[in-house]
Amino acid sequence: MAVVAGAYLFSFALRFDFGEPRGGWRAIAAFGFVVCLVHLAALSLFGCYRREVRRFSRLECRRCLAAAALAALVLGVTRLLLGNEQLFFHARPPYSVTLMTFFFSVAGLVGLRFACRARGDAFEPGMDLLERPETSFDNAAVRGFIAGRTVLVTGAGGTIGSEIVRQVAALGAKRVLLVERCENALYNIDRAMKKAFPGVDCVPLMLDICDKEAMEKLFLAEKPFLVLHAAAYKHVPMVELNPAEGWRNNVDGTRTVAQCAERHGTRRFVLISTDKAVNPVSVMGKSKREAEKALMALNAAKSGTSFCAVRFGNVFGSSGSVVPLFREQIAAGGPVTVTDPAMKRYFMTVQEAVSLVLQAASRTERAIYTLEMGEPVGILKLAEGLIRRAGYRPYKDIPIVFTGIRPGEKLFEELDVSEKSAFRTDMAKIYITKMEE
């Protein structure tokens, strides 16, 4: 109510050129209490206090506007009914004051809420929705492995790839090669790196990992010490619809980059894999499984390059994933679409994902690594949690509809770190997967 009170008093001051109005400031301030009560009632009537301020949206903006308009109407009618009674001068402010109070209060209420939302978005961790503590790692060994080296990152403009680039630069890499096919994504990460790490030599390279000639020239010229291979098609429905292209990129592209790394003396090659590679049913999962097998075959041939893969669950909030989709649907007023009420997925933050990649890079095993990620999260429960976080009530304010499982999807992903499926390493929560046939 401080915003409304301030708008009311400022309107009076502006109307009377910041001089004392007739009736005195004390009487004006006393009626300001009534003005605040009228606005409070209007804001409550339109449900402006039911939503969480930091999730304020255009819908709530319209609610605030309507509430302020109703309050101005009530105050204007009150002014009209009181007429010219001198006894109630302070209770019948000029119409111009009521109008200015409307504009200033709307500007203040909406501006404050959008500012709070911006601050909330900037510091929103999201880990409470995963119902487990975030996993952290000691980067001392990683720093010693990366510092002063040339590192090549494929898929450098993606959610994981761009975070890898930032972390590698922060750990002291001498030269970072940013391989990315999407021009806009490459431009964004290159600009961000030049601003955040001006002392690191970051080289943007708009290349296709399936272009054997281009990859050969790159490795011949740069001879990277470490390759972090994040380039891949990851969306199950899209790869199901475009299986040949998905296979070409995820399998053939991986083989091309891996063979170049082997020929040109790369020390370590890390493939970003997925939990969908475990007993895969989708083209995407099968392609990532085949990429893992290709690397393990190179290891079996006693390659001078050490190859490994790291299996992830879903990265919380990554581009194109379910979390930003749900947030977009919530902001639009719903409905939120869930494929099946029983569907569950493993989630990790991008910081956890990158930490696991870099820990795997600094180790010596030629293997497939898996992170212990706790219990899988129900997608329906996640949707309900995001709706509540936005200040709405699931099913009442924001409907949830079930669309059915899409081709290639599983109800439950498999990420087994039990003794029958994995070996424990000397690092907490990092396991080596026993090779499946």
Protein backbone atom coordinates (compact mmCIF):
# COMPACT_ATOMS: atom_id res chain seq x y z
CA MET A 1 0.00 0.00 0.00
CA ALA A 2 3.04 2.25 0.26
CA VAL A 3 2.93 2.57 -3.55
CA VAL A 4 -0.69 3.76 -3.52
CA ALA A 5 -0.12 6.14 -0.60
CA GLY A 6 2.93 7.58 -2.31
CA ALA A 7 1.03 7.98 -5.60
CA TYR A 8 -1.83 9.78 -3.81
CA LEU A 9 0.38 12.22 -1.90
CA PHE A 10 2.61 12.88 -4.91
CA SER A 11 -0.49 13.63 -7.02
CA PHE A 12 -1.65 16.22 -4.47
CA ALA A 13 1.81 17.77 -4.33
CA LEU A 14 1.95 17.94 -8.14
CA ARG A 15 -1.55 19.42 -8.36
CA PHE A 16 -0.73 22.24 -5.92
CA ASP A 17 2.83 22.86 -7.20
CA PHE A 18 4.28 21.21 -4.10
CA GLY A 19 2.68 23.81 -1.88
CA GLU A 20 0.34 23.06 1.05
CA PRO A 21 -3.19 22.35 -0.21
CA ARG A 22 -6.29 23.91 1.33
CA GLY A 23 -7.20 21.85 4.37
CA GLY A 24 -3.59 21.06 5.20
CA TRP A 25 -1.45 18.00 4.66
CA ARG A 26 -2.70 16.31 7.82
CA ALA A 27 -6.28 16.17 6.57
CA ILE A 28 -5.15 15.09 3.12
CA ALA A 29 -3.01 12.32 4.62
CA ALA A 30 -5.91 11.17 6.80
CA PHE A 31 -8.08 10.63 3.74
CA GLY A 32 -5.14 8.87 2.12
CA PHE A 33 -5.89 6.01 4.51
CA VAL A 34 -9.33 5.68 2.89
CA VAL A 35 -7.73 5.80 -0.58
CA CYS A 36 -5.43 2.94 0.41
CA LEU A 37 -8.33 0.87 1.76
CA VAL A 38 -10.29 1.35 -1.47
CA HIS A 39 -7.28 0.24 -3.54
CA LEU A 40 -6.64 -2.70 -1.21
CA ALA A 41 -10.24 -3.87 -1.62
CA ALA A 42 -10.06 -3.49 -5.41
CA LEU A 43 -6.73 -5.31 -5.69
CA SER A 44 -8.06 -8.14 -3.51
CA LEU A 45 -11.27 -8.32 -5.52
CA PHE A 46 -9.30 -8.82 -8.74
CA GLY A 47 -7.03 -11.44 -7.15
CA CYS A 48 -3.83 -9.41 -7.38
CA TYR A 49 -2.53 -10.84 -4.09
CA ARG A 50 -3.11 -14.50 -4.91
CA ARG A 51 -0.12 -14.70 -7.27
CA GLU A 52 3.50 -14.83 -6.29
CA VAL A 53 4.96 -11.38 -7.02
CA ARG A 54 8.17 -12.67 -8.60
CA ARG A 55 6.12 -14.63 -11.17
CA PHE A 56 4.12 -11.53 -12.21
CA SER A 57 2.91 -11.70 -15.82
CA ARG A 58 0.92 -9.68 -18.36
CA LEU A 59 -2.26 -11.27 -17.04
CA GLU A 60 -1.60 -9.86 -13.56
CA CYS A 61 -0.67 -6.53 -15.15
CA ARG A 62 -4.19 -6.32 -16.57
CA ARG A 63 -5.62 -7.26 -13.19
CA CYS A 64 -3.72 -4.43 -11.49
CA LEU A 65 -4.89 -2.01 -14.17
CA ALA A 66 -8.52 -3.06 -13.71
CA ALA A 67 -8.25 -2.85 -9.90
CA ALA A 68 -6.75 0.66 -10.03
CA ALA A 69 -9.44 1.75 -12.50
CA LEU A 70 -12.18 0.46 -10.17
CA ALA A 71 -10.60 2.27 -7.20
CA ALA A 72 -10.40 5.50 -9.23
CA LEU A 73 -14.06 5.11 -10.22
CA VAL A 74 -15.14 4.63 -6.58
CA LEU A 75 -13.12 7.66 -5.46
CA GLY A 76 -14.47 9.73 -8.35
CA VAL A 77 -18.08 8.83 -7.53
CA THR A 78 -17.40 9.65 -3.87
CA ARG A 79 -16.09 13.06 -4.91
CA LEU A 80 -19.19 13.65 -7.03
CA LEU A 81 -21.63 12.65 -4.27
CA LEU A 82 -19.98 14.90 -1.69
CA GLY A 83 -20.47 17.90 -3.95
CA ASN A 84 -19.17 21.19 -2.55
CA GLU A 85 -19.55 20.42 1.16
CA GLN A 86 -16.73 22.38 2.79
CA LEU A 87 -16.75 20.08 5.82
CA PHE A 88 -15.45 17.23 3.66
CA PHE A 89 -12.96 19.18 1.55
CA HIS A 90 -10.17 16.70 2.24
CA ALA A 91 -12.47 13.82 1.22
CA ARG A 92 -13.23 15.32 -2.18
CA PRO A 93 -9.86 15.80 -3.86
CA PRO A 94 -9.82 17.34 -7.33
CA TYR A 95 -10.64 14.94 -10.16
CA SER A 96 -7.15 15.60 -11.53
CA VAL A 97 -5.67 14.19 -8.30
CA THR A 98 -7.78 11.04 -8.59
CA LEU A 99 -6.73 10.63 -12.22
CA MET A 100 -3.03 11.16 -11.44
CA THR A 101 -3.28 8.75 -8.50
CA PHE A 102 -4.61 6.13 -10.92
CA PHE A 103 -1.70 6.53 -13.35
CA PHE A 104 1.02 6.72 -10.67
CA SER A 105 -0.35 3.77 -8.68
CA VAL A 106 -0.59 1.58 -11.80
CA ALA A 107 2.95 2.52 -12.80
CA GLY A 108 4.24 1.82 -9.29
CA LEU A 109 2.38 -1.47 -8.75
CA VAL A 110 3.23 -2.92 -12.15
CA GLY A 111 6.81 -1.63 -12.16
CA LEU A 112 7.53 -2.99 -8.68
CA ARG A 113 6.11 -6.39 -9.53
CA PHE A 114 8.05 -6.70 -12.77
CA ALA A 115 11.23 -5.68 -10.92
CA CYS A 116 10.60 -8.37 -8.29
CA ARG A 117 9.93 -10.91 -11.03
CA ALA A 118 13.19 -10.04 -12.77
CA ARG A 119 15.09 -10.45 -9.51
CA GLY A 120 13.32 -13.73 -8.74
CA ASP A 121 14.09 -15.15 -12.19
CA ALA A 122 17.75 -14.18 -11.87
CA PHE A 123 18.20 -16.01 -8.58
CA GLU A 124 15.76 -18.90 -8.98
CA PRO A 125 17.70 -22.12 -8.37
CA GLY A 126 14.98 -24.69 -9.04
CA MET A 127 16.72 -27.39 -6.97
CA ASP A 128 13.80 -27.63 -4.53
CA LEU A 129 11.72 -29.09 -7.37
CA LEU A 130 14.28 -31.88 -7.83
CA GLU A 131 13.92 -32.87 -4.16
CA ARG A 132 17.63 -33.54 -3.67
CA PRO A 133 20.74 -31.51 -2.85
CA GLU A 134 22.87 -30.26 -5.72
CA THR A 135 26.03 -32.30 -6.30
CA SER A 136 29.30 -30.37 -6.23
CA PHE A 137 32.83 -31.50 -7.10
CA ASP A 138 36.39 -30.47 -6.28
CA ASN A 139 37.84 -28.86 -9.40
CA ALA A 140 41.50 -28.86 -8.32
CA ALA A 141 42.37 -31.93 -10.42
CA VAL A 142 40.34 -30.60 -13.33
CA ARG A 143 42.15 -27.26 -13.23
CA GLY A 144 45.51 -29.01 -13.29
CA PHE A 145 44.40 -31.04 -16.31
CA ILE A 146 42.96 -28.14 -18.34
CA ALA A 147 45.07 -25.10 -17.43
CA GLY A 148 47.23 -23.88 -20.29
CA ARG A 149 45.75 -26.37 -22.79
CA THR A 150 43.84 -26.12 -26.07
CA VAL A 151 40.29 -27.43 -25.63
CA LEU A 152 37.78 -28.10 -28.41
CA VAL A 153 34.06 -27.99 -27.57
CA THR A 154 31.51 -29.17 -30.14
CA GLY A 155 27.93 -27.96 -29.82
CA ALA A 156 29.44 -24.93 -28.11
CA GLY A 157 26.30 -22.82 -28.48
CA GLY A 158 23.92 -25.24 -26.75
CA THR A 159 22.85 -25.26 -23.11
CA ILE A 160 25.51 -27.77 -22.02
CA GLY A 161 28.11 -26.76 -24.58
CA SER A 162 28.03 -23.08 -23.66
CA GLU A 163 28.35 -23.88 -19.96
CA ILE A 164 31.29 -26.18 -20.72
CA VAL A 165 32.97 -23.33 -22.60
CA ARG A 166 32.53 -20.98 -19.64
CA GLN A 167 33.78 -23.52 -17.11
CA VAL A 168 36.79 -24.48 -19.22
CA ALA A 169 37.76 -20.83 -19.64
CA ALA A 170 37.38 -20.24 -15.89
CA LEU A 171 39.67 -23.22 -15.21
CA GLY A 172 42.51 -21.64 -17.16
CA ALA A 173 42.38 -23.12 -20.66
CA LYS A 174 44.80 -21.31 -22.96
CA ARG A 175 42.70 -21.64 -26.13
CA VAL A 176 39.07 -22.72 -26.53
CA LEU A 177 37.76 -23.79 -29.95
CA LEU A 178 34.00 -23.21 -30.22
CA VAL A 179 32.58 -25.57 -32.85
CA GLU A 180 28.93 -24.82 -33.59
CA ARG A 181 26.73 -25.19 -36.68
CA CYS A 182 24.05 -22.67 -35.64
CA GLU A 183 25.22 -19.15 -36.49
CA ASN A 184 23.12 -17.34 -33.89
CA ALA A 185 24.10 -19.70 -31.06
CA LEU A 186 27.77 -19.35 -32.01
CA TYR A 187 27.48 -15.56 -32.12
CA ASN A 188 25.89 -15.47 -28.66
CA ILE A 189 28.48 -17.66 -26.93
CA ASP A 190 31.36 -15.88 -28.68
CA ARG A 191 30.07 -12.48 -27.57
CA ALA A 192 29.50 -13.72 -24.01
CA MET A 193 33.02 -15.17 -23.81
CA LYS A 194 34.69 -12.02 -25.12
CA LYS A 195 32.93 -10.05 -22.40
CA ALA A 196 33.41 -12.49 -19.51
CA PHE A 197 36.87 -13.87 -20.38
CA PRO A 198 38.74 -11.30 -22.48
CA GLY A 199 42.07 -12.93 -21.61
CA VAL A 200 41.12 -16.36 -22.99
CA ASP A 201 41.66 -17.04 -26.69
CA CYS A 202 38.21 -18.25 -27.79
CA VAL A 203 37.89 -19.10 -31.49
CA PRO A 204 34.35 -19.29 -32.97
CA LEU A 205 34.18 -21.93 -35.72
CA MET A 206 30.96 -22.35 -37.71
CA LEU A 207 31.45 -25.97 -38.72
CA ASP A 208 29.43 -29.16 -39.18
CA ILE A 209 30.88 -32.12 -37.27
CA CYS A 210 29.80 -34.40 -40.14
CA ASP A 211 32.05 -32.50 -42.58
CA LYS A 212 35.07 -34.82 -42.59
CA GLU A 213 37.30 -32.48 -44.59
CA ALA A 214 36.58 -29.49 -42.35
CA MET A 215 37.15 -31.53 -39.19
CA GLU A 216 40.42 -32.92 -40.53
CA LYS A 217 41.71 -29.42 -41.33
CA LEU A 218 40.71 -28.17 -37.89
CA PHE A 219 42.45 -30.98 -35.99
CA LEU A 220 45.52 -30.77 -38.22
CA ALA A 221 45.87 -27.05 -37.52
CA GLU A 222 44.94 -26.95 -33.82
CA LYS A 223 45.80 -30.40 -32.40
CA PRO A 224 43.54 -29.96 -29.34
CA PHE A 225 44.61 -31.59 -26.09
CA LEU A 226 41.01 -32.24 -24.98
CA VAL A 227 37.76 -32.67 -26.95
CA LEU A 228 34.40 -32.24 -25.22
CA HIS A 229 31.78 -33.49 -27.68
CA ALA A 230 28.38 -31.97 -26.88
CA ALA A 231 27.04 -31.63 -30.43
CA ALA A 232 23.97 -33.84 -30.96
CA TYR A 233 20.30 -33.91 -31.80
CA LYS A 234 18.55 -34.49 -28.48
CA HIS A 235 14.79 -34.14 -29.02
CA VAL A 236 13.25 -37.60 -29.18
CA PRO A 237 10.17 -36.69 -31.30
CA MET A 238 12.24 -34.72 -33.83
CA VAL A 239 14.76 -37.51 -34.29
CA GLU A 240 11.91 -40.03 -34.62
CA LEU A 241 10.56 -37.94 -37.50
CA ASN A 242 14.01 -37.47 -39.04
CA PRO A 243 15.86 -40.72 -38.23
CA ALA A 244 18.44 -40.60 -41.04
CA GLU A 245 19.59 -37.10 -40.15
CA GLY A 246 19.57 -37.93 -36.43
CA TRP A 247 21.75 -40.99 -37.03
CA ARG A 248 24.08 -39.07 -39.34
CA ASN A 249 24.67 -36.34 -36.79
CA ASN A 250 24.74 -38.37 -33.57
CA VAL A 251 26.63 -41.44 -34.82
CA ASP A 252 28.52 -40.51 -37.98
CA GLY A 253 29.39 -37.07 -36.63
CA THR A 254 30.74 -38.58 -33.42
CA ARG A 255 32.85 -41.09 -35.38
CA THR A 256 34.24 -38.31 -37.56
CA VAL A 257 35.31 -36.13 -34.63
CA ALA A 258 36.65 -39.13 -32.66
CA GLN A 259 38.72 -40.43 -35.56
CA CYS A 260 40.20 -36.97 -36.15
CA ALA A 261 41.06 -36.76 -32.45
CA GLU A 262 42.78 -40.14 -32.63
CA ARG A 263 44.79 -39.27 -35.73
CA HIS A 264 46.03 -35.96 -34.36
CA GLY A 265 47.08 -36.94 -30.87
CA THR A 266 44.23 -35.67 -28.69
CA ARG A 267 44.81 -36.86 -25.12
CA ARG A 268 41.20 -37.20 -23.97
CA PHE A 269 37.83 -37.31 -25.74
CA VAL A 270 34.57 -36.99 -23.75
CA LEU A 271 31.18 -37.74 -25.32
CA ILE A 272 28.04 -36.21 -23.81
CA SER A 273 25.58 -39.11 -23.74
CA THR A 274 22.17 -39.63 -22.16
CA ASP A 275 20.14 -41.92 -19.92
CA LYS A 276 18.08 -42.67 -23.04
CA ALA A 277 21.02 -44.79 -24.27
CA VAL A 278 20.17 -47.40 -21.61
CA ASN A 279 18.01 -50.10 -23.23
CA PRO A 280 17.02 -47.59 -25.92
CA VAL A 281 13.66 -47.66 -27.68
CA SER A 282 13.91 -44.34 -29.57
CA VAL A 283 16.08 -43.50 -32.57
CA MET A 284 17.76 -40.80 -30.51
CA GLY A 285 18.57 -43.22 -27.67
CA LYS A 286 19.82 -45.87 -30.10
CA SER A 287 22.00 -43.32 -31.89
CA LYS A 288 23.65 -42.25 -28.63
CA ARG A 289 24.15 -45.89 -27.64
CA GLU A 290 25.81 -46.55 -31.00
CA ALA A 291 28.04 -43.51 -30.50
CA GLU A 292 29.13 -44.91 -27.12
CA LYS A 293 29.94 -48.26 -28.74
CA ALA A 294 31.99 -46.54 -31.43
CA LEU A 295 34.16 -44.89 -28.78
CA MET A 296 34.57 -48.09 -26.79
CA ALA A 297 35.65 -49.85 -30.01
CA LEU A 298 38.38 -47.25 -30.46
CA ASN A 299 39.47 -47.89 -26.87
CA ALA A 300 39.57 -51.64 -27.53
CA ALA A 301 41.88 -50.98 -30.50
CA LYS A 302 44.40 -49.50 -28.04
CA SER A 303 44.04 -46.00 -29.41
CA GLY A 304 46.49 -43.37 -28.20
CA THR A 305 43.50 -41.19 -27.37
CA SER A 306 41.52 -42.02 -24.24
CA PHE A 307 37.78 -42.08 -25.02
CA CYS A 308 34.94 -41.91 -22.50
CA ALA A 309 31.25 -41.02 -22.37
CA VAL A 310 29.13 -39.38 -19.69
CA ARG A 311 25.44 -40.24 -19.30
CA PHE A 312 23.08 -37.48 -18.19
CA GLY A 313 19.50 -37.27 -17.19
CA ASN A 314 17.48 -34.30 -18.38
CA VAL A 315 19.17 -30.94 -17.84
CA PHE A 316 16.84 -28.78 -15.75
CA GLY A 317 15.77 -25.71 -17.71
CA SER A 318 17.76 -26.47 -20.88
CA SER A 319 16.51 -25.02 -24.16
CA GLY A 320 13.66 -27.00 -25.65
CA SER A 321 13.16 -29.11 -22.51
CA VAL A 322 10.00 -29.57 -20.49
CA VAL A 323 10.72 -26.88 -17.86
CA PRO A 324 10.83 -23.84 -20.18
CA LEU A 325 7.87 -25.32 -22.07
CA PHE A 326 5.83 -25.51 -18.87
CA ARG A 327 6.84 -21.97 -17.89
CA GLU A 328 5.80 -20.67 -21.30
CA GLN A 329 2.44 -22.43 -21.03
CA ILE A 330 1.89 -21.10 -17.50
CA ALA A 331 2.70 -17.53 -18.57
CA ALA A 332 0.11 -17.88 -21.35
CA GLY A 333 -2.54 -18.97 -18.85
CA GLY A 334 -2.39 -22.67 -19.70
CA PRO A 335 -3.12 -25.36 -20.37
CA VAL A 336 0.04 -27.17 -19.28
CA THR A 337 0.53 -30.32 -21.36
CA VAL A 338 1.81 -33.52 -19.74
CA THR A 339 2.17 -36.65 -21.83
CA ASP A 340 1.23 -39.16 -19.10
CA PRO A 341 0.52 -38.75 -15.35
CA ALA A 342 2.89 -41.64 -14.55
CA MET A 343 5.86 -40.35 -16.56
CA LYS A 344 9.10 -39.79 -14.62
CA ARG A 345 12.50 -38.43 -15.55
CA TYR A 346 15.92 -37.95 -13.97
CA PHE A 347 16.98 -34.31 -13.78
CA MET A 348 20.23 -32.51 -13.10
CA THR A 349 21.27 -28.87 -13.26
CA VAL A 350 23.55 -27.67 -16.04
CA GLN A 351 26.22 -26.98 -13.40
CA GLU A 352 26.08 -30.62 -12.28
CA ALA A 353 26.20 -31.81 -15.87
CA VAL A 354 29.27 -29.74 -16.70
CA SER A 355 31.00 -30.67 -13.45
CA LEU A 356 30.54 -34.36 -14.31
CA VAL A 357 31.90 -33.80 -17.83
CA LEU A 358 35.00 -32.07 -16.51
CA GLN A 359 35.57 -34.63 -13.76
CA ALA A 360 35.34 -37.39 -16.36
CA ALA A 361 37.77 -35.49 -18.58
CA SER A 362 40.39 -35.36 -15.84
CA ARG A 363 40.16 -39.08 -15.03
CA THR A 364 41.97 -41.90 -16.82
CA GLU A 365 39.33 -44.63 -17.24
CA ARG A 366 38.26 -45.45 -20.79
CA ALA A 367 34.66 -45.98 -19.82
CA ILE A 368 31.08 -44.76 -19.64
CA TYR A 369 30.39 -42.66 -16.55
CA THR A 370 27.04 -42.23 -14.82
CA LEU A 371 26.08 -39.80 -12.07
CA GLU A 372 23.96 -41.03 -9.18
CA MET A 373 20.97 -38.70 -9.48
CA GLY A 374 18.68 -39.84 -6.71
CA GLU A 375 15.06 -40.66 -7.46
CA PRO A 376 13.40 -39.73 -10.75
CA VAL A 377 10.99 -36.79 -10.67
CA GLY A 378 7.37 -37.18 -11.76
CA ILE A 379 6.66 -34.88 -14.71
CA LEU A 380 3.13 -34.24 -13.44
CA LYS A 381 4.50 -33.33 -10.01
CA LEU A 382 7.05 -31.04 -11.66
CA ALA A 383 4.29 -29.31 -13.63
CA GLU A 384 2.21 -28.83 -10.49
CA GLY A 385 5.23 -27.45 -8.64
CA LEU A 386 6.02 -24.94 -11.38
CA ILE A 387 2.39 -23.80 -11.44
CA ARG A 388 2.42 -23.23 -7.67
CA ARG A 389 5.76 -21.43 -7.93
CA ALA A 390 4.16 -19.06 -10.39
CA GLY A 391 1.52 -18.26 -7.78
CA TYR A 392 -1.31 -20.24 -9.38
CA ARG A 393 -3.36 -23.24 -8.32
CA PRO A 394 -2.99 -26.37 -10.47
CA TYR A 395 -6.21 -27.43 -12.23
CA LYS A 396 -8.12 -24.37 -10.92
CA ASP A 397 -6.14 -21.40 -12.24
CA ILE A 398 -4.03 -23.34 -14.76
CA PRO A 399 -5.47 -26.53 -16.31
CA ILE A 400 -3.29 -29.58 -16.94
CA VAL A 401 -4.10 -31.82 -19.90
CA PHE A 402 -2.65 -35.23 -20.77
CA THR A 403 -1.63 -35.69 -24.39
CA GLY A 404 -0.36 -39.28 -24.45
CA ILE A 405 3.13 -40.73 -24.87
CA ARG A 406 4.84 -39.72 -28.10
CA PRO A 407 6.68 -42.16 -30.41
CA GLY A 408 10.04 -43.21 -28.97
CA GLU A 409 9.27 -42.14 -25.39
CA LYS A 410 9.39 -44.30 -22.26
CA LEU A 411 7.37 -43.85 -19.11
CA PHE A 412 10.54 -44.33 -17.05
CA GLU A 413 14.16 -43.78 -18.03
CA GLU A 414 16.75 -46.23 -16.67
CA LEU A 415 19.87 -45.03 -14.87
CA ASP A 416 21.09 -47.99 -12.83
CA VAL A 417 24.12 -47.52 -10.54
CA SER A 418 23.62 -50.74 -8.58
CA GLU A 419 26.48 -53.26 -8.23
CA LYS A 420 25.11 -55.41 -11.06
CA SER A 421 25.29 -52.50 -13.52
CA ALA A 422 28.09 -50.19 -12.38
CA PHE A 423 31.36 -49.89 -10.49
CA ARG A 424 31.81 -47.23 -7.83
CA THR A 425 34.73 -44.86 -8.36
CA ASP A 426 36.76 -43.04 -5.73
CA MET A 427 34.62 -39.98 -6.39
CA ALA A 428 31.25 -39.66 -4.66
CA LYS A 429 28.23 -40.19 -6.92
CA ILE A 430 30.31 -41.01 -10.03
CA TYR A 431 30.05 -44.59 -11.32
CA ILE A 432 31.56 -46.52 -14.22
CA THR A 433 28.91 -48.34 -16.21
CA LYS A 434 29.44 -52.00 -17.04
CA MET A 435 29.34 -52.25 -20.82
CA GLU A 436 26.02 -53.57 -22.08
CA GLU A 437 25.79 -55.68 -25.19
